[in-house]
Amino acid sequence: MQYMCLIYKTEGKGPQPGTDEFAGYIQAYHEFSAHIKDKGVFCAGDALQPTVTATTVTTQNGKTETMDGPFAETKEQLGGYYIIDCDDLDDALKYAAMIPSAKYGRIEVRPVMIFD
């Protein structure tokens, strides 16, 4: 079954670009990605640009409206995702706990609904 691991953390919290700590943080991501590829569970995954680049779209009564920024104003922001193919939720949670951002935020794990 496929699971999406949604990576949430507070922007500006944790290792920051340009620091020695950030290089290790990115290396940990490369190692995690290689690990789940080696295990055969990787389906997809990417980081997202910062929330200042987001645009939210809604259509109400036939009218499309856009607004700058993410839909939800929360402390933690969606920063990226992985889609993994695991035997069960326990297996997916094991991999989610290995995602480097789990130390600085939260990883939401949800089954992917597949429509045939």
C-alpha atoms as a PDB file:
ATOM      1  CA  MET A   1       0.000   0.000   0.000  1.00  0.00           C
ATOM      2  CA  GLN A   2       1.205   3.502  -0.757  1.00  0.00           C
ATOM      3  CA  TYR A   3       1.555   6.100   1.996  1.00  0.00           C
ATOM      4  CA  MET A   4       2.268   9.804   1.682  1.00  0.00           C
ATOM      5  CA  CYS A   5       4.615  11.241   4.272  1.00  0.00           C
ATOM      6  CA  LEU A   6       3.887  14.970   4.520  1.00  0.00           C
ATOM      7  CA  ILE A   7       6.818  16.850   6.019  1.00  0.00           C
ATOM      8  CA  TYR A   8       5.830  19.768   8.256  1.00  0.00           C
ATOM      9  CA  LYS A   9       8.157  22.084  10.120  1.00  0.00           C
ATOM     10  CA  THR A  10       8.336  25.692  11.134  1.00  0.00           C
ATOM     11  CA  GLU A  11      10.179  27.676   8.483  1.00  0.00           C
ATOM     12  CA  GLY A  12      13.372  29.057   9.950  1.00  0.00           C
ATOM     13  CA  LYS A  13      13.556  26.347  12.635  1.00  0.00           C
ATOM     14  CA  GLY A  14      16.304  23.753  12.453  1.00  0.00           C
ATOM     15  CA  PRO A  15      19.423  23.857  10.277  1.00  0.00           C
ATOM     16  CA  GLN A  16      19.545  26.886   7.958  1.00  0.00           C
ATOM     17  CA  PRO A  17      21.159  27.209   4.502  1.00  0.00           C
ATOM     18  CA  GLY A  18      24.728  28.437   4.632  1.00  0.00           C
ATOM     19  CA  THR A  19      25.541  26.766   7.959  1.00  0.00           C
ATOM     20  CA  ASP A  20      27.683  23.683   8.622  1.00  0.00           C
ATOM     21  CA  GLU A  21      24.680  22.054  10.292  1.00  0.00           C
ATOM     22  CA  PHE A  22      22.623  22.475   7.099  1.00  0.00           C
ATOM     23  CA  ALA A  23      25.147  20.521   5.023  1.00  0.00           C
ATOM     24  CA  GLY A  24      24.767  17.551   7.377  1.00  0.00           C
ATOM     25  CA  TYR A  25      20.991  17.929   7.321  1.00  0.00           C
ATOM     26  CA  ILE A  26      20.898  17.765   3.521  1.00  0.00           C
ATOM     27  CA  GLN A  27      23.316  14.823   3.566  1.00  0.00           C
ATOM     28  CA  ALA A  28      20.919  13.023   5.929  1.00  0.00           C
ATOM     29  CA  TYR A  29      18.139  13.566   3.378  1.00  0.00           C
ATOM     30  CA  HIS A  30      20.303  12.140   0.588  1.00  0.00           C
ATOM     31  CA  GLU A  31      21.094   9.123   2.754  1.00  0.00           C
ATOM     32  CA  PHE A  32      17.429   8.600   3.693  1.00  0.00           C
ATOM     33  CA  SER A  33      16.351   8.834   0.044  1.00  0.00           C
ATOM     34  CA  ALA A  34      19.048   6.331  -0.971  1.00  0.00           C
ATOM     35  CA  HIS A  35      17.971   4.009   1.861  1.00  0.00           C
ATOM     36  CA  ILE A  36      14.298   3.884   0.863  1.00  0.00           C
ATOM     37  CA  LYS A  37      15.278   3.451  -2.799  1.00  0.00           C
ATOM     38  CA  ASP A  38      17.544   0.537  -1.824  1.00  0.00           C
ATOM     39  CA  LYS A  39      14.693  -0.992   0.207  1.00  0.00           C
ATOM     40  CA  GLY A  40      12.355  -0.662  -2.800  1.00  0.00           C
ATOM     41  CA  VAL A  41       9.740   1.462  -1.011  1.00  0.00           C
ATOM     42  CA  PHE A  42      10.411   4.843  -2.682  1.00  0.00           C
ATOM     43  CA  CYS A  43       7.723   5.961  -5.154  1.00  0.00           C
ATOM     44  CA  ALA A  44       8.207   9.756  -5.252  1.00  0.00           C
ATOM     45  CA  GLY A  45       9.355  12.670  -3.180  1.00  0.00           C
ATOM     46  CA  ASP A  46      10.364  16.302  -3.390  1.00  0.00           C
ATOM     47  CA  ALA A  47      10.906  19.402  -1.318  1.00  0.00           C
ATOM     48  CA  LEU A  48       8.703  22.446  -1.783  1.00  0.00           C
ATOM     49  CA  GLN A  49       9.729  26.062  -2.206  1.00  0.00           C
ATOM     50  CA  PRO A  50       9.076  28.306   0.854  1.00  0.00           C
ATOM     51  CA  THR A  51       5.490  29.296   1.650  1.00  0.00           C
ATOM     52  CA  VAL A  52       6.078  32.847   0.356  1.00  0.00           C
ATOM     53  CA  THR A  53       5.972  31.305  -3.142  1.00  0.00           C
ATOM     54  CA  ALA A  54       2.559  29.673  -2.592  1.00  0.00           C
ATOM     55  CA  THR A  55      -0.681  30.758  -4.228  1.00  0.00           C
ATOM     56  CA  THR A  56      -4.032  29.366  -3.103  1.00  0.00           C
ATOM     57  CA  VAL A  57      -6.885  28.953  -5.588  1.00  0.00           C
ATOM     58  CA  THR A  58     -10.582  28.552  -4.851  1.00  0.00           C
ATOM     59  CA  THR A  59     -13.663  28.541  -7.054  1.00  0.00           C
ATOM     60  CA  GLN A  60     -16.879  29.752  -5.474  1.00  0.00           C
ATOM     61  CA  ASN A  61     -20.126  30.312  -7.387  1.00  0.00           C
ATOM     62  CA  GLY A  62     -18.311  30.011 -10.710  1.00  0.00           C
ATOM     63  CA  LYS A  63     -15.733  32.639  -9.788  1.00  0.00           C
ATOM     64  CA  THR A  64     -12.058  31.745  -9.386  1.00  0.00           C
ATOM     65  CA  GLU A  65     -10.184  33.582  -6.671  1.00  0.00           C
ATOM     66  CA  THR A  66      -6.508  33.449  -5.797  1.00  0.00           C
ATOM     67  CA  MET A  67      -4.617  34.632  -2.771  1.00  0.00           C
ATOM     68  CA  ASP A  68      -0.937  34.735  -1.959  1.00  0.00           C
ATOM     69  CA  GLY A  69       0.373  32.232   0.517  1.00  0.00           C
ATOM     70  CA  PRO A  70      -0.694  28.830   1.773  1.00  0.00           C
ATOM     71  CA  PHE A  71      -4.310  28.039   2.623  1.00  0.00           C
ATOM     72  CA  ALA A  72      -3.715  27.474   6.306  1.00  0.00           C
ATOM     73  CA  GLU A  73      -1.835  29.894   8.478  1.00  0.00           C
ATOM     74  CA  THR A  74      -0.154  27.589  10.932  1.00  0.00           C
ATOM     75  CA  LYS A  75       3.063  27.448  12.891  1.00  0.00           C
ATOM     76  CA  GLU A  76       4.322  24.471  10.887  1.00  0.00           C
ATOM     77  CA  GLN A  77       4.282  24.530   7.090  1.00  0.00           C
ATOM     78  CA  LEU A  78       4.280  21.751   4.502  1.00  0.00           C
ATOM     79  CA  GLY A  79       7.841  21.610   3.213  1.00  0.00           C
ATOM     80  CA  GLY A  80       7.923  18.423   1.169  1.00  0.00           C
ATOM     81  CA  TYR A  81       6.742  14.863   0.860  1.00  0.00           C
ATOM     82  CA  TYR A  82       7.619  11.270   0.137  1.00  0.00           C
ATOM     83  CA  ILE A  83       5.336   8.617  -1.282  1.00  0.00           C
ATOM     84  CA  ILE A  84       6.407   5.199  -0.100  1.00  0.00           C
ATOM     85  CA  ASP A  85       5.052   1.720  -0.800  1.00  0.00           C
ATOM     86  CA  CYS A  86       4.966  -0.335   2.400  1.00  0.00           C
ATOM     87  CA  ASP A  87       3.401  -3.527   3.662  1.00  0.00           C
ATOM     88  CA  ASP A  88       1.384  -1.737   6.353  1.00  0.00           C
ATOM     89  CA  LEU A  89       1.068   1.409   8.450  1.00  0.00           C
ATOM     90  CA  ASP A  90       3.621   0.220  10.997  1.00  0.00           C
ATOM     91  CA  ASP A  91       6.207  -0.144   8.234  1.00  0.00           C
ATOM     92  CA  ALA A  92       5.343   3.314   6.856  1.00  0.00           C
ATOM     93  CA  LEU A  93       5.680   4.845  10.328  1.00  0.00           C
ATOM     94  CA  LYS A  94       9.097   3.256  10.724  1.00  0.00           C
ATOM     95  CA  TYR A  95      10.310   4.995   7.553  1.00  0.00           C
ATOM     96  CA  ALA A  96       8.583   8.278   8.416  1.00  0.00           C
ATOM     97  CA  ALA A  97      10.499   8.403  11.700  1.00  0.00           C
ATOM     98  CA  MET A  98      13.745   8.272   9.684  1.00  0.00           C
ATOM     99  CA  ILE A  99      12.942  11.464   7.732  1.00  0.00           C
ATOM    100  CA  PRO A 100      15.457  14.084   8.952  1.00  0.00           C
ATOM    101  CA  SER A 101      12.802  16.773   9.515  1.00  0.00           C
ATOM    102  CA  ALA A 102      11.100  14.561  12.116  1.00  0.00           C
ATOM    103  CA  LYS A 103      13.678  16.037  14.545  1.00  0.00           C
ATOM    104  CA  TYR A 104      12.469  19.604  13.864  1.00  0.00           C
ATOM    105  CA  GLY A 105       8.785  19.213  13.028  1.00  0.00           C
ATOM    106  CA  ARG A 106       6.245  16.511  12.278  1.00  0.00           C
ATOM    107  CA  ILE A 107       5.640  13.911   9.600  1.00  0.00           C
ATOM    108  CA  GLU A 108       2.009  13.193   8.763  1.00  0.00           C
ATOM    109  CA  VAL A 109       1.531   9.715   7.281  1.00  0.00           C
ATOM    110  CA  ARG A 110      -1.600   9.023   5.245  1.00  0.00           C
ATOM    111  CA  PRO A 111      -2.618   6.139   3.002  1.00  0.00           C
ATOM    112  CA  VAL A 112      -2.905   7.085  -0.662  1.00  0.00           C
ATOM    113  CA  MET A 113      -6.321   6.426  -2.175  1.00  0.00           C
ATOM    114  CA  ILE A 114      -5.779   4.688  -5.517  1.00  0.00           C
ATOM    115  CA  PHE A 115      -8.615   4.969  -8.048  1.00  0.00           C
ATOM    116  CA  ASP A 116      -8.635   2.302 -10.757  1.00  0.00           C
END
